[in-house]
Amino acid sequence: MEVSATAMLPHHDADRARNALRARLHDIVERRQIPPAELEGATMLVAGPTVVTDAAGRTWYEWAATLRIRGDSPGPRADDDAGSRPTVDDLGLLPRHAG
């Protein structure tokens, strides 16, 4: 089985992207209740970034990850749609500025 996630960052930072992707994948694994035994030997493949420019002209960097898991776990659930995904801000990845 494979589980996929994406992360959009305002800067090119592979370490932060991996951390965000791990957090997102961890959330998906918990919601799907995938047993820890099935996660043994799992591999995470990261691709990116893909440069995206939003309507305001800001540049974003999109990273994608796929977690390859052995075993037969429950498939995607209805609450796994894009609307339930945490944002970059939810994950605390945007720099916080005082003032």
N, C-alpha and C. Protein backbone atom coordinates (compact mmCIF):
# COMPACT_ATOMS: atom_id res chain seq x y z
N MET A 1 0.84 -1.17 0.00
CA MET A 1 0.00 0.00 0.00
C MET A 1 0.89 1.23 0.00
N GLU A 2 0.39 2.29 -0.56
CA GLU A 2 1.10 3.57 -0.57
C GLU A 2 0.20 4.66 -0.01
N VAL A 3 0.82 5.57 0.73
CA VAL A 3 0.14 6.74 1.27
C VAL A 3 0.91 7.95 0.76
N SER A 4 0.20 8.95 0.23
CA SER A 4 0.85 10.13 -0.33
C SER A 4 0.45 11.40 0.41
N ALA A 5 1.37 12.37 0.40
CA ALA A 5 1.12 13.67 1.03
C ALA A 5 1.89 14.74 0.26
N THR A 6 1.44 15.98 0.38
CA THR A 6 2.14 17.11 -0.22
C THR A 6 2.35 18.21 0.82
N ALA A 7 3.34 19.05 0.57
CA ALA A 7 3.60 20.21 1.43
C ALA A 7 3.99 21.37 0.54
N MET A 8 3.44 22.54 0.84
CA MET A 8 3.77 23.77 0.12
C MET A 8 4.54 24.66 1.09
N LEU A 9 5.72 25.10 0.69
CA LEU A 9 6.54 25.97 1.53
C LEU A 9 6.84 27.27 0.80
N PRO A 10 7.00 28.36 1.54
CA PRO A 10 7.30 29.64 0.90
C PRO A 10 8.78 29.80 0.54
N HIS A 11 9.59 28.80 0.84
CA HIS A 11 11.02 28.85 0.54
C HIS A 11 11.52 27.44 0.24
N HIS A 12 12.66 27.37 -0.41
CA HIS A 12 13.25 26.09 -0.80
C HIS A 12 14.04 25.55 0.40
N ASP A 13 13.43 24.66 1.17
CA ASP A 13 14.06 24.11 2.36
C ASP A 13 13.70 22.63 2.46
N ALA A 14 14.61 21.77 2.01
CA ALA A 14 14.35 20.34 1.96
C ALA A 14 14.12 19.74 3.35
N ASP A 15 14.84 20.22 4.37
CA ASP A 15 14.67 19.68 5.72
C ASP A 15 13.27 19.98 6.26
N ARG A 16 12.81 21.21 6.10
CA ARG A 16 11.46 21.56 6.56
C ARG A 16 10.41 20.81 5.76
N ALA A 17 10.65 20.62 4.48
CA ALA A 17 9.71 19.88 3.65
C ALA A 17 9.58 18.44 4.14
N ARG A 18 10.72 17.80 4.41
CA ARG A 18 10.67 16.42 4.92
C ARG A 18 9.93 16.35 6.25
N ASN A 19 10.19 17.31 7.13
CA ASN A 19 9.50 17.32 8.42
C ASN A 19 8.00 17.50 8.25
N ALA A 20 7.60 18.41 7.37
CA ALA A 20 6.17 18.63 7.12
C ALA A 20 5.53 17.38 6.52
N LEU A 21 6.23 16.76 5.60
CA LEU A 21 5.69 15.55 4.97
C LEU A 21 5.59 14.40 5.96
N ARG A 22 6.59 14.25 6.82
CA ARG A 22 6.51 13.21 7.86
C ARG A 22 5.31 13.44 8.77
N ALA A 23 5.10 14.69 9.16
CA ALA A 23 3.96 15.01 10.04
C ALA A 23 2.64 14.68 9.35
N ARG A 24 2.52 15.04 8.10
CA ARG A 24 1.29 14.76 7.35
C ARG A 24 1.08 13.26 7.20
N LEU A 25 2.15 12.53 6.84
CA LEU A 25 2.03 11.09 6.70
C LEU A 25 1.69 10.43 8.04
N HIS A 26 2.29 10.92 9.11
CA HIS A 26 1.99 10.39 10.45
C HIS A 26 0.51 10.56 10.77
N ASP A 27 -0.05 11.74 10.45
CA ASP A 27 -1.46 12.01 10.67
C ASP A 27 -2.34 11.04 9.87
N ILE A 28 -1.99 10.81 8.63
CA ILE A 28 -2.77 9.90 7.78
C ILE A 28 -2.69 8.47 8.32
N VAL A 29 -1.50 8.03 8.72
CA VAL A 29 -1.32 6.68 9.26
C VAL A 29 -2.16 6.51 10.53
N GLU A 30 -2.18 7.51 11.39
CA GLU A 30 -2.98 7.43 12.62
C GLU A 30 -4.47 7.37 12.31
N ARG A 31 -4.95 8.22 11.39
CA ARG A 31 -6.37 8.22 11.05
C ARG A 31 -6.80 6.92 10.40
N ARG A 32 -5.93 6.32 9.62
CA ARG A 32 -6.26 5.04 8.98
C ARG A 32 -6.03 3.86 9.91
N GLN A 33 -5.46 4.13 11.07
CA GLN A 33 -5.19 3.11 12.08
C GLN A 33 -4.37 1.96 11.51
N ILE A 34 -3.29 2.31 10.83
CA ILE A 34 -2.38 1.32 10.27
C ILE A 34 -1.54 0.77 11.42
N PRO A 35 -1.53 -0.54 11.62
CA PRO A 35 -0.78 -1.14 12.73
C PRO A 35 0.72 -0.89 12.61
N PRO A 36 1.39 -0.65 13.75
CA PRO A 36 2.84 -0.41 13.74
C PRO A 36 3.62 -1.52 13.06
N ALA A 37 3.17 -2.76 13.16
CA ALA A 37 3.88 -3.87 12.53
C ALA A 37 3.95 -3.71 11.01
N GLU A 38 2.92 -3.10 10.42
CA GLU A 38 2.92 -2.89 8.97
C GLU A 38 3.87 -1.77 8.56
N LEU A 39 4.22 -0.90 9.51
CA LEU A 39 5.11 0.22 9.20
C LEU A 39 6.58 -0.17 9.22
N GLU A 40 6.89 -1.35 9.79
CA GLU A 40 8.28 -1.81 9.80
C GLU A 40 8.74 -2.00 8.36
N GLY A 41 9.86 -1.43 8.04
CA GLY A 41 10.40 -1.54 6.69
C GLY A 41 9.76 -0.59 5.69
N ALA A 42 8.88 0.30 6.14
CA ALA A 42 8.25 1.26 5.23
C ALA A 42 9.31 2.23 4.72
N THR A 43 9.13 2.70 3.51
CA THR A 43 10.07 3.68 2.93
C THR A 43 9.31 4.93 2.51
N MET A 44 9.95 6.08 2.70
CA MET A 44 9.37 7.35 2.30
C MET A 44 10.18 7.91 1.15
N LEU A 45 9.52 8.15 0.04
CA LEU A 45 10.15 8.73 -1.14
C LEU A 45 9.68 10.17 -1.26
N VAL A 46 10.63 11.10 -1.39
CA VAL A 46 10.31 12.53 -1.48
C VAL A 46 10.67 13.04 -2.87
N ALA A 47 9.77 13.81 -3.46
CA ALA A 47 10.02 14.43 -4.76
C ALA A 47 9.78 15.93 -4.66
N GLY A 48 10.56 16.67 -5.39
CA GLY A 48 10.33 18.11 -5.41
C GLY A 48 11.62 18.86 -5.23
N PRO A 49 11.49 20.13 -5.23
CA PRO A 49 10.24 20.87 -5.27
C PRO A 49 9.79 21.20 -6.68
N THR A 50 8.51 21.43 -6.80
CA THR A 50 7.92 22.01 -7.99
C THR A 50 7.62 23.46 -7.65
N VAL A 51 8.10 24.38 -8.45
CA VAL A 51 7.90 25.81 -8.18
C VAL A 51 6.52 26.22 -8.69
N VAL A 52 5.75 26.87 -7.80
CA VAL A 52 4.40 27.32 -8.11
C VAL A 52 4.31 28.80 -7.78
N THR A 53 3.71 29.59 -8.66
CA THR A 53 3.49 31.02 -8.40
C THR A 53 2.01 31.24 -8.22
N ASP A 54 1.63 31.84 -7.07
CA ASP A 54 0.21 32.06 -6.80
C ASP A 54 -0.29 33.32 -7.51
N ALA A 55 -1.57 33.61 -7.35
CA ALA A 55 -2.19 34.74 -8.04
C ALA A 55 -1.58 36.08 -7.63
N ALA A 56 -1.01 36.15 -6.42
CA ALA A 56 -0.40 37.39 -5.94
C ALA A 56 1.06 37.52 -6.38
N GLY A 57 1.54 36.54 -7.13
CA GLY A 57 2.91 36.58 -7.63
C GLY A 57 3.94 35.99 -6.68
N ARG A 58 3.49 35.41 -5.55
CA ARG A 58 4.42 34.79 -4.61
C ARG A 58 4.83 33.42 -5.10
N THR A 59 6.09 33.08 -4.83
CA THR A 59 6.61 31.77 -5.23
C THR A 59 6.48 30.80 -4.06
N TRP A 60 5.97 29.61 -4.36
CA TRP A 60 5.84 28.52 -3.38
C TRP A 60 6.56 27.31 -3.93
N TYR A 61 6.97 26.44 -3.02
CA TYR A 61 7.68 25.22 -3.40
C TYR A 61 6.86 24.03 -2.92
N GLU A 62 6.41 23.22 -3.88
CA GLU A 62 5.57 22.07 -3.56
C GLU A 62 6.42 20.81 -3.54
N TRP A 63 6.33 20.09 -2.44
CA TRP A 63 7.04 18.83 -2.25
C TRP A 63 6.01 17.71 -2.12
N ALA A 64 6.34 16.53 -2.56
CA ALA A 64 5.44 15.38 -2.45
C ALA A 64 6.19 14.20 -1.85
N ALA A 65 5.48 13.40 -1.08
CA ALA A 65 6.08 12.21 -0.47
C ALA A 65 5.13 11.04 -0.64
N THR A 66 5.71 9.87 -0.81
CA THR A 66 4.96 8.63 -0.86
C THR A 66 5.56 7.69 0.17
N LEU A 67 4.72 7.18 1.04
CA LEU A 67 5.14 6.20 2.03
C LEU A 67 4.69 4.84 1.53
N ARG A 68 5.65 3.97 1.30
CA ARG A 68 5.34 2.62 0.83
C ARG A 68 5.31 1.69 2.04
N ILE A 69 4.13 1.10 2.27
CA ILE A 69 3.87 0.27 3.43
C ILE A 69 3.51 -1.13 2.96
N ARG A 70 4.01 -2.11 3.69
CA ARG A 70 3.61 -3.48 3.35
C ARG A 70 2.31 -3.80 4.06
N GLY A 71 1.60 -4.79 3.60
CA GLY A 71 0.38 -5.24 4.28
C GLY A 71 -0.88 -4.67 3.69
N ASP A 72 -1.99 -5.19 4.20
CA ASP A 72 -3.31 -4.76 3.74
C ASP A 72 -3.98 -3.97 4.85
N SER A 73 -3.95 -2.66 4.72
CA SER A 73 -4.61 -1.78 5.69
C SER A 73 -5.83 -1.16 5.05
N PRO A 74 -6.67 -0.54 5.85
CA PRO A 74 -7.84 0.12 5.28
C PRO A 74 -7.43 1.13 4.22
N GLY A 75 -8.21 1.25 3.20
CA GLY A 75 -7.92 2.17 2.11
C GLY A 75 -8.23 3.61 2.49
N PRO A 76 -8.17 4.50 1.51
CA PRO A 76 -8.44 5.92 1.78
C PRO A 76 -9.84 6.10 2.35
N ARG A 77 -9.95 7.05 3.27
CA ARG A 77 -11.24 7.35 3.87
C ARG A 77 -11.73 8.69 3.37
N ALA A 78 -13.02 8.91 3.51
CA ALA A 78 -13.62 10.14 3.01
C ALA A 78 -13.00 11.38 3.64
N ASP A 79 -12.51 11.27 4.91
CA ASP A 79 -11.95 12.44 5.56
C ASP A 79 -10.51 12.70 5.16
N ASP A 80 -9.97 11.98 4.18
CA ASP A 80 -8.62 12.19 3.71
C ASP A 80 -8.55 13.16 2.53
N ASP A 81 -9.63 13.84 2.23
CA ASP A 81 -9.61 14.75 1.08
C ASP A 81 -8.80 15.99 1.38
N ALA A 82 -8.59 16.80 0.37
CA ALA A 82 -7.74 17.98 0.49
C ALA A 82 -8.25 18.96 1.54
N GLY A 83 -9.54 19.00 1.80
CA GLY A 83 -10.08 19.92 2.78
C GLY A 83 -9.65 19.61 4.20
N SER A 84 -9.26 18.37 4.47
CA SER A 84 -8.86 18.01 5.83
C SER A 84 -7.35 18.07 6.03
N ARG A 85 -6.62 18.39 5.01
CA ARG A 85 -5.17 18.44 5.11
C ARG A 85 -4.73 19.67 5.89
N PRO A 86 -3.72 19.50 6.74
CA PRO A 86 -3.23 20.68 7.46
C PRO A 86 -2.51 21.62 6.50
N THR A 87 -2.56 22.89 6.79
CA THR A 87 -1.86 23.87 5.98
C THR A 87 -0.44 24.03 6.50
N VAL A 88 0.38 24.74 5.75
CA VAL A 88 1.74 25.04 6.19
C VAL A 88 1.69 25.77 7.53
N ASP A 89 0.74 26.67 7.68
CA ASP A 89 0.61 27.42 8.92
C ASP A 89 0.21 26.49 10.07
N ASP A 90 -0.67 25.52 9.81
CA ASP A 90 -1.06 24.55 10.85
C ASP A 90 0.15 23.80 11.38
N LEU A 91 1.08 23.50 10.50
CA LEU A 91 2.25 22.73 10.88
C LEU A 91 3.35 23.61 11.48
N GLY A 92 3.12 24.93 11.53
CA GLY A 92 4.09 25.84 12.13
C GLY A 92 5.34 26.02 11.30
N LEU A 93 5.20 25.96 9.98
CA LEU A 93 6.36 26.04 9.12
C LEU A 93 6.67 27.45 8.62
N LEU A 94 5.70 28.34 8.72
CA LEU A 94 5.95 29.70 8.27
C LEU A 94 6.70 30.45 9.37
N PRO A 95 7.70 31.22 9.00
CA PRO A 95 8.41 32.00 10.01
C PRO A 95 7.46 33.00 10.67
N ARG A 96 7.56 33.13 11.95
CA ARG A 96 6.73 34.05 12.70
C ARG A 96 7.51 35.35 12.87
N HIS A 97 6.88 36.47 12.55
CA HIS A 97 7.51 37.78 12.66
C HIS A 97 6.76 38.61 13.69
N ALA A 98 7.49 39.25 14.57
CA ALA A 98 6.87 40.14 15.56
C ALA A 98 6.47 41.44 14.88
N GLY A 99 5.38 42.01 15.34
CA GLY A 99 4.99 43.32 14.84
C GLY A 99 4.01 43.26 13.83
